[in-house]
Protein backbone atom coordinates (compact mmCIF):
# COMPACT_ATOMS: atom_id res chain seq x y z
CA MET A 1 12.44 15.43 -6.77
CA ALA A 2 12.97 11.89 -5.86
CA GLU A 3 12.06 11.18 -2.21
CA VAL A 4 15.65 11.05 -0.43
CA LYS A 5 15.58 7.83 1.68
CA GLN A 6 17.46 8.46 4.75
CA GLN A 7 17.88 6.39 8.37
CA GLN A 8 19.08 7.13 11.58
CA HIS A 9 18.72 4.94 14.55
CA SER A 10 18.23 5.83 18.00
CA GLN A 11 21.02 3.53 19.66
CA ALA A 12 24.49 2.21 18.64
CA MET A 13 24.81 -1.27 18.19
CA PRO A 14 27.64 -3.31 17.60
CA SER A 15 25.79 -5.67 15.31
CA ASN A 16 24.94 -2.97 12.93
CA MET A 17 24.09 -4.38 9.27
CA GLY A 18 21.17 -5.89 7.64
CA VAL A 19 21.02 -8.70 5.25
CA LEU A 20 24.11 -8.64 3.04
CA PRO A 21 23.91 -7.92 -0.27
CA SER A 22 25.30 -11.25 -1.14
CA VAL A 23 23.23 -13.11 0.78
CA ALA A 24 20.08 -11.38 -0.44
CA LEU A 25 21.08 -11.75 -4.24
CA ASP A 26 21.50 -15.68 -3.37
CA ALA A 27 18.10 -15.71 -1.54
CA LEU A 28 16.66 -14.36 -4.95
CA VAL A 29 18.69 -17.02 -6.78
CA GLY A 30 17.82 -20.01 -4.67
CA LYS A 31 13.90 -19.08 -4.86
CA GLY A 32 14.14 -19.03 -8.54
CA ASP A 33 13.49 -15.23 -8.96
CA LEU A 34 16.64 -14.38 -10.74
CA ARG A 35 19.16 -16.80 -12.38
CA PHE A 36 22.79 -16.82 -11.14
CA ASP A 37 24.97 -13.94 -12.55
CA ALA A 38 28.54 -14.22 -11.94
CA GLY A 39 28.88 -10.50 -12.77
CA GLN A 40 26.42 -9.69 -10.32
CA ALA A 41 27.75 -12.07 -7.83
CA ASP A 42 30.94 -10.10 -7.63
CA ALA A 43 29.34 -7.01 -7.11
CA ALA A 44 27.32 -7.87 -4.35
CA ARG A 45 30.44 -9.38 -2.37
CA ALA A 46 32.21 -5.92 -3.25
CA LEU A 47 29.01 -4.33 -1.64
CA ASP A 48 29.46 -6.54 1.42
CA ASP A 49 32.67 -5.49 1.89
CA LEU A 50 32.00 -1.75 1.70
CA VAL A 51 28.62 -2.46 4.02
CA SER A 52 31.44 -4.32 6.69
CA ARG A 53 33.91 -1.66 6.37
CA ILE A 54 31.32 1.28 7.18
CA SER A 55 29.71 -1.26 10.09
CA SER A 56 33.54 -1.51 11.68
CA PHE A 57 33.83 2.32 12.03
CA GLN A 58 30.66 2.15 13.98
CA THR A 59 31.54 -0.31 16.63
CA PRO A 60 33.16 0.42 19.93
CA ASN A 61 35.49 3.55 20.37
CA LEU A 62 32.89 5.06 17.76
CA GLY A 63 33.86 8.41 18.31
CA ARG A 64 37.55 7.69 17.96
CA ARG A 65 37.17 5.82 14.81
CA LEU A 66 35.07 8.26 13.10
CA MET A 67 37.44 11.16 13.86
CA GLY A 68 39.73 9.38 12.24
CA LEU A 69 37.51 8.25 9.21
CA PHE A 70 36.86 12.22 8.82
CA ASP A 71 39.91 13.73 9.59
CA LYS A 72 41.35 14.94 6.06
CA THR A 73 44.79 13.70 7.11
CA THR A 74 43.89 10.15 7.78
CA PRO A 75 43.43 7.68 4.60
CA VAL A 76 39.67 7.88 3.42
CA MET A 77 37.20 4.95 2.91
CA ARG A 78 36.84 4.87 -0.62
CA GLY A 79 33.51 4.42 -2.12
CA LEU A 80 32.13 2.30 -5.31
CA TYR A 81 31.12 3.14 -8.71
CA ILE A 82 29.28 0.64 -10.33
CA HIS A 83 29.07 0.50 -13.99
CA GLY A 84 27.43 -1.60 -16.92
CA GLY A 85 25.04 -2.20 -19.28
CA VAL A 86 21.35 -1.93 -19.29
CA GLY A 87 19.55 -4.47 -17.46
CA ARG A 88 22.32 -5.79 -15.57
CA GLY A 89 20.82 -5.78 -12.24
CA LYS A 90 22.81 -2.10 -10.69
CA THR A 91 19.39 -0.76 -9.13
CA MET A 92 18.65 -4.14 -7.77
CA LEU A 93 21.88 -4.00 -6.22
CA MET A 94 22.20 -0.72 -5.16
CA ASP A 95 18.62 -1.45 -3.12
CA MET A 96 20.36 -4.39 -1.46
CA PHE A 97 23.25 -2.03 -0.26
CA PHE A 98 21.07 0.63 1.10
CA ASP A 99 18.81 -2.01 3.18
CA ALA A 100 21.85 -3.78 4.48
CA LEU A 101 23.58 -0.68 5.93
CA ASP A 102 22.81 0.43 8.83
CA VAL A 103 23.71 3.82 10.82
CA GLU A 104 23.74 4.97 14.24
CA THR A 105 23.80 7.42 16.80
CA ASP A 106 26.08 8.31 19.34
CA SER A 107 25.10 6.63 22.40
CA THR A 108 25.75 9.65 24.87
CA SER A 109 24.60 12.63 22.52
CA GLY A 110 21.84 10.92 20.28
CA ALA A 111 23.30 12.63 17.42
CA ALA A 112 23.74 10.94 14.06
CA VAL A 113 27.22 9.57 13.32
CA MET A 114 27.05 8.52 9.53
CA GLY A 115 23.37 8.88 8.09
CA LYS A 116 22.72 7.55 4.51
CA TRP A 117 20.79 9.44 2.05
CA ARG A 118 19.84 8.22 -1.73
CA LEU A 119 18.48 9.58 -4.94
CA HIS A 120 18.81 9.92 -8.65
CA PHE A 121 22.02 11.65 -9.63
CA HIS A 122 19.71 14.24 -11.46
CA ASP A 123 17.69 14.96 -8.66
CA PHE A 124 20.94 15.33 -6.33
CA MET A 125 22.08 18.00 -9.21
CA VAL A 126 18.66 19.98 -9.17
CA LEU A 127 19.08 19.98 -5.39
CA ALA A 128 22.52 21.44 -5.39
CA GLN A 129 21.60 23.88 -8.09
CA ASP A 130 18.64 25.17 -5.80
CA LEU A 131 20.78 25.29 -2.71
CA ILE A 132 23.25 27.30 -4.45
CA HIS A 133 21.13 29.43 -6.42
CA ALA A 134 19.34 30.35 -2.75
CA ALA A 135 22.69 30.86 -1.30
CA ARG A 136 23.84 33.19 -3.51
CA LYS A 137 20.54 35.25 -3.67
CA THR A 138 21.45 36.32 -0.20
CA ASN A 139 25.93 36.46 -0.97
CA PRO A 140 26.68 36.44 -4.59
CA ASP A 141 29.91 34.96 -3.32
CA ALA A 142 28.57 31.98 -1.40
CA PRO A 143 31.30 29.65 -1.23
CA ILE A 144 30.27 26.09 -2.73
CA GLU A 145 31.55 24.91 0.33
CA ALA A 146 28.61 26.37 2.38
CA VAL A 147 26.01 24.20 0.18
CA ALA A 148 28.30 20.71 0.60
CA ASP A 149 27.63 21.83 4.40
CA GLN A 150 24.07 21.82 3.77
CA LEU A 151 24.36 18.53 1.80
CA ILE A 152 26.69 16.61 3.94
CA ALA A 153 23.91 17.17 7.09
CA ARG A 154 21.67 14.81 5.28
CA GLY A 155 24.42 12.08 5.61
CA LYS A 156 27.89 11.30 4.76
CA ILE A 157 26.67 7.84 2.94
CA ILE A 158 25.59 9.08 -0.54
CA CYS A 159 23.89 6.86 -2.66
CA PHE A 160 23.23 7.65 -6.31
CA ASP A 161 21.21 6.13 -9.17
CA GLU A 162 22.26 6.51 -12.84
CA MET A 163 25.14 8.85 -12.72
CA GLU A 164 25.09 10.65 -16.26
CA ILE A 165 25.87 14.25 -17.09
CA ARG A 166 24.45 16.06 -19.67
CA ASP A 167 23.95 19.59 -18.62
CA ILE A 168 27.15 21.89 -19.05
CA ALA A 169 26.05 24.12 -15.80
CA ASP A 170 26.08 20.76 -13.78
CA ALA A 171 29.51 19.56 -15.25
CA MET A 172 31.13 22.71 -14.21
CA ILE A 173 30.26 22.82 -10.70
CA LEU A 174 31.00 18.93 -10.12
CA ALA A 175 34.64 19.18 -9.22
CA ARG A 176 34.34 21.73 -6.74
CA LEU A 177 31.31 20.30 -4.92
CA PHE A 178 32.55 16.73 -4.72
CA THR A 179 35.71 18.25 -3.31
CA ALA A 180 34.04 19.72 -0.59
CA LEU A 181 31.89 16.55 0.24
CA PHE A 182 34.91 14.35 0.13
CA ASP A 183 36.49 17.06 2.40
CA ARG A 184 33.57 16.44 4.77
CA GLY A 185 33.96 12.72 5.05
CA ALA A 186 31.31 11.72 2.42
CA ILE A 187 31.30 8.14 0.93
CA VAL A 188 29.85 8.11 -2.40
CA VAL A 189 28.22 4.59 -4.17
CA THR A 190 26.62 5.24 -7.40
CA THR A 191 25.92 3.24 -10.57
CA SER A 192 26.06 4.47 -14.13
CA ASN A 193 25.42 2.72 -17.73
CA ARG A 194 29.07 4.05 -18.66
CA HIS A 195 32.18 4.11 -16.96
CA ALA A 196 33.57 7.23 -15.30
CA ASP A 197 36.40 7.82 -18.54
CA GLU A 198 33.05 8.15 -20.61
CA LEU A 199 31.09 10.59 -18.34
CA TYR A 200 30.13 14.08 -20.24
CA LYS A 201 31.86 12.45 -23.47
CA ASN A 202 32.16 15.05 -26.19
CA GLY A 203 30.67 17.81 -24.06
CA LEU A 204 31.04 21.46 -24.46
CA HIS A 205 34.52 22.38 -22.11
CA ARG A 206 34.84 18.68 -21.32
CA ASP A 207 38.65 19.50 -20.18
CA ARG A 208 37.17 21.81 -17.30
CA PHE A 209 35.27 18.56 -16.20
CA LEU A 210 37.95 16.09 -16.44
CA PRO A 211 39.09 16.91 -12.67
CA PHE A 212 35.90 15.65 -11.66
CA ILE A 213 36.59 12.36 -13.33
CA ALA A 214 40.06 12.00 -11.80
CA LEU A 215 38.25 12.85 -8.10
CA LEU A 216 35.54 10.26 -8.44
CA LYS A 217 38.06 7.27 -9.69
CA GLN A 218 40.38 8.59 -6.63
CA ARG A 219 37.69 8.01 -4.30
CA CYS A 220 35.67 5.80 -5.50
CA GLU A 221 36.52 1.70 -6.67
CA MET A 222 35.46 1.62 -10.16
CA LEU A 223 33.26 -2.02 -10.65
CA GLU A 224 31.98 -3.30 -13.82
CA ILE A 225 29.30 -5.75 -13.86
CA GLY A 226 30.81 -7.33 -16.87
CA ALA A 227 29.10 -8.54 -19.94
CA GLY A 228 26.42 -11.15 -19.40
CA THR A 229 22.56 -11.61 -19.96
CA ASP A 230 20.60 -8.81 -19.79
CA TRP A 231 17.96 -10.54 -17.80
CA ARG A 232 15.10 -7.88 -17.79
CA GLY A 233 15.89 -7.70 -21.71
CA ALA A 234 15.41 -11.66 -21.40
CA LEU A 235 12.55 -11.43 -19.19
CA LEU A 236 10.52 -9.03 -21.16
CA ALA A 237 11.06 -10.68 -24.33
CA GLY A 238 8.54 -13.45 -23.16
CA LEU A 239 6.26 -11.21 -21.48
CA PRO A 240 2.75 -9.73 -22.67
CA ALA A 241 3.11 -6.26 -23.05
CA TRP A 242 -0.77 -5.35 -23.29
CA PHE A 243 -2.98 -7.27 -21.48
CA HIS A 244 -6.92 -7.24 -22.12
CA PRO A 245 -9.71 -7.50 -21.69
CA ASN A 246 -9.40 -5.90 -18.26
CA ASN A 247 -10.21 -8.52 -15.94
CA GLU A 248 -9.08 -9.86 -12.74
CA ARG A 249 -6.85 -12.35 -14.41
CA ALA A 250 -5.12 -9.17 -16.27
CA ARG A 251 -4.63 -7.65 -13.11
CA ALA A 252 -3.11 -10.60 -11.26
CA ALA A 253 -0.98 -11.29 -14.28
CA LEU A 254 0.23 -7.44 -14.49
CA ASN A 255 0.87 -7.51 -10.88
CA THR A 256 3.18 -10.36 -11.40
CA SER A 257 4.95 -9.13 -14.44
CA PHE A 258 5.92 -6.10 -12.34
CA ALA A 259 7.42 -7.96 -9.59
CA GLN A 260 9.34 -9.78 -12.08
CA VAL A 261 10.82 -6.77 -13.74
CA SER A 262 11.48 -5.01 -10.59
CA GLY A 263 13.42 -7.78 -9.51
CA HIS A 264 11.22 -8.73 -6.66
CA MET A 265 12.18 -5.63 -4.71
CA THR A 266 9.92 -4.25 -1.95
CA PRO A 267 7.69 -1.19 -3.38
CA HIS A 268 7.62 2.07 -2.15
CA GLU A 269 6.41 5.69 -2.98
CA GLU A 270 9.16 7.93 -5.08
CA ILE A 271 8.43 11.79 -5.68
CA VAL A 272 9.52 13.30 -9.33
CA ARG A 273 10.11 17.02 -9.07
CA VAL A 274 9.87 18.84 -11.99
CA ALA A 275 10.13 22.71 -12.25
CA GLY A 276 9.39 22.74 -8.62
CA ARG A 277 6.37 20.40 -8.44
CA ASP A 278 6.11 17.00 -6.83
CA ILE A 279 4.57 14.27 -8.74
CA VAL A 280 4.07 11.26 -6.30
CA LEU A 281 4.23 8.16 -7.81
CA GLU A 282 2.85 5.28 -5.09
CA THR A 283 4.05 2.34 -6.38
CA THR A 284 7.59 2.09 -7.40
CA ALA A 285 10.41 -0.75 -6.96
CA GLY A 286 13.95 -0.28 -8.47
CA ASP A 287 13.95 1.78 -11.41
CA VAL A 288 10.43 0.48 -12.26
CA ALA A 289 7.05 2.38 -11.62
CA MET A 290 3.45 0.90 -11.39
CA VAL A 291 0.39 3.22 -11.75
CA SER A 292 -3.20 3.18 -12.92
CA PHE A 293 -3.91 5.22 -15.40
CA ASP A 294 -5.61 7.68 -13.55
CA GLU A 295 -2.45 8.22 -11.46
CA LEU A 296 -0.33 9.56 -14.27
CA CYS A 297 -2.64 10.84 -17.05
CA ASP A 298 -5.81 11.86 -15.24
CA ARG A 299 -4.22 14.78 -13.65
CA PRO A 300 -2.61 18.25 -14.83
CA LEU A 301 0.80 17.32 -16.28
CA ALA A 302 2.41 18.69 -19.43
CA ALA A 303 4.97 16.77 -21.81
CA ARG A 304 7.74 17.71 -19.67
CA ASP A 305 6.39 15.68 -16.80
CA TYR A 306 6.36 12.65 -18.68
CA LEU A 307 9.88 13.43 -19.92
CA ALA A 308 11.25 13.35 -16.22
CA ILE A 309 9.15 10.66 -15.67
CA ALA A 310 10.82 8.31 -18.61
CA GLY A 311 14.21 9.78 -17.48
CA ARG A 312 13.58 8.38 -13.86
CA PHE A 313 12.31 5.23 -14.65
CA THR A 314 13.59 2.41 -16.95
CA GLY A 315 9.69 0.95 -17.20
CA ILE A 316 6.20 2.11 -16.51
CA VAL A 317 3.53 -0.67 -15.71
CA MET A 318 -0.10 0.73 -16.02
CA HIS A 319 -3.24 -0.41 -15.09
CA ASP A 320 -6.72 0.46 -16.85
CA VAL A 321 -5.98 2.41 -19.89
CA PRO A 322 -9.41 3.56 -20.40
CA ALA A 323 -11.03 3.62 -24.20
CA PHE A 324 -10.13 7.21 -25.68
CA THR A 325 -13.31 8.94 -27.23
CA VAL A 326 -14.69 12.36 -28.05
CA ASP A 327 -15.52 12.81 -24.35
CA ASN A 328 -11.94 12.10 -23.08
CA GLU A 329 -9.64 13.77 -25.58
CA HIS A 330 -7.43 15.42 -23.05
CA LEU A 331 -6.80 12.20 -21.28
CA ALA A 332 -5.35 10.74 -25.15
CA ARG A 333 -3.08 13.71 -25.48
CA ARG A 334 -1.77 12.93 -21.85
CA PHE A 335 -1.28 9.11 -22.90
CA MET A 336 0.16 10.21 -26.19
CA TRP A 337 2.54 12.54 -24.39
CA LEU A 338 3.62 9.48 -22.05
CA ILE A 339 4.15 7.06 -24.75
CA ASP A 340 6.17 9.48 -26.79
CA ALA A 341 8.67 10.13 -23.78
CA LEU A 342 8.98 6.25 -22.60
CA TYR A 343 9.47 5.54 -26.38
CA ASP A 344 12.08 8.28 -26.95
CA ARG A 345 14.20 6.95 -24.14
CA GLY A 346 13.72 3.36 -25.35
CA ARG A 347 11.86 2.43 -21.73
CA PHE A 348 9.46 -0.18 -21.59
CA PHE A 349 5.43 -0.41 -21.10
CA LEU A 350 3.41 -2.78 -19.85
CA ALA A 351 -0.36 -2.25 -19.59
CA SER A 352 -3.97 -3.55 -18.98
CA SER A 353 -6.68 -2.19 -21.31
CA ALA A 354 -10.39 -3.12 -21.75
CA LEU A 355 -9.71 -2.92 -25.88
CA ALA A 356 -7.03 -4.12 -28.05
CA VAL A 357 -4.07 -1.43 -29.04
CA ASP A 358 -5.95 -1.10 -32.20
CA LYS A 359 -9.42 -0.15 -30.83
CA LEU A 360 -8.10 2.30 -28.02
CA TYR A 361 -9.16 5.69 -29.96
CA SER A 362 -12.24 6.56 -31.32
CA GLY A 363 -12.16 10.39 -31.24
CA GLU A 364 -11.80 12.74 -33.51
CA LYS A 365 -9.37 15.51 -32.57
CA TRP A 366 -6.07 13.01 -32.51
CA GLN A 367 -6.43 10.21 -35.08
CA PHE A 368 -3.37 11.20 -36.96
CA GLU A 369 -1.21 11.59 -33.43
CA PHE A 370 -2.87 8.69 -32.10
CA ALA A 371 -2.23 6.67 -34.85
CA ARG A 372 1.53 7.03 -34.10
CA THR A 373 0.80 6.27 -30.50
CA GLN A 374 -0.77 2.95 -31.74
CA SER A 375 2.12 2.20 -34.07
CA ARG A 376 4.57 2.89 -30.94
CA LEU A 377 2.94 0.78 -28.84
CA ARG A 378 2.96 -2.17 -31.37
CA GLU A 379 6.29 -1.86 -31.63
CA MET A 380 6.79 -1.98 -27.74
CA ALA A 381 4.30 -4.83 -27.78
CA GLY A 382 6.82 -6.71 -30.30
CA ARG A 383 8.45 -8.64 -27.41
CA GLY A 384 5.65 -11.23 -26.97
CA LYS A 385 2.06 -12.13 -27.28
CA SER A 386 -0.33 -8.96 -27.01
CA HIS A 387 -3.12 -10.21 -25.13
CA ILE A 388 -4.11 -13.01 -22.30
CA PRO A 389 -7.38 -15.32 -23.18
CA ALA A 390 -10.73 -13.56 -22.05
CA SER A 391 -11.82 -16.31 -19.74
CA ASP A 392 -11.23 -15.77 -15.77
């Protein structure tokens, strides 16, 4: 499961905002790290407004304001549902919102007033299903409201990355679960590649899912990052995808590429949970992970682990892909699983290696299979040149 980002401060302060999203965005544009994009600017201003509205409930008369905010009979604060095409900067904007939003504690009791937490929507549903399963082990009739109590205790401001529903088991519980969360004062901010009306489209028993869509539209403002430049796609088109030979220049160039494709966001550790196991990725930013080959492939991972990683990240940047020989066929197998998972999900892959793609494999066991991997790597590298000069 993705590492849940939570924040609780020990002292209430009237000035309880970090750098507003629009200010952070303007700074990146001013430095030349990003080009101005009207759709992103509009979304940033909407996020500014939500930060300000939330913060206004954490200033004088805190207890009275919050009692009103979370009283079911009082008009509630709507969250945001940000949707738009791939590469439009949704994750970057969510990073900015999450960093801007400070949360406070009651100065008398020290108890958290409003916590914030953020995770990938798929991981949220895994967590919710696990809690439901655990509750019903001891009480088969345990209400879903009990699970909502556990979730809301983590924080009332819940930020989701990439809301997408594919599993019928998730679809069938969402209306009841989110009704309970909203009744408990949840403010939801989420990103998605599609409008809420398109969620779970053509899914089995979709009619039973429609109340969730109605609830989501009632409790979240629908905000589209309109058509514009796919800034990441345009960037990738001009970047090398395969850096070799594997020298210091290649390493520095790959690090620069990671900063660019991740929108210059601050790297952090993230945890991907698969079947109860945690896969720790030490350097991620936005929806991009930077790893060494050993970190991702010289460990006991299976094909489904790489599928989960490809489902989480839009791209992988990998240092130090080795030569594959008869002595490390097991590593070649894992590398093939990784590339298959990324390719099938339409993800991008940037890497450094001592060898060109065509020279990577000299083993015996996977000659046919690795030829397909090489073909996929060449296709994925077709955006630009496939090497940099050898000189340092």
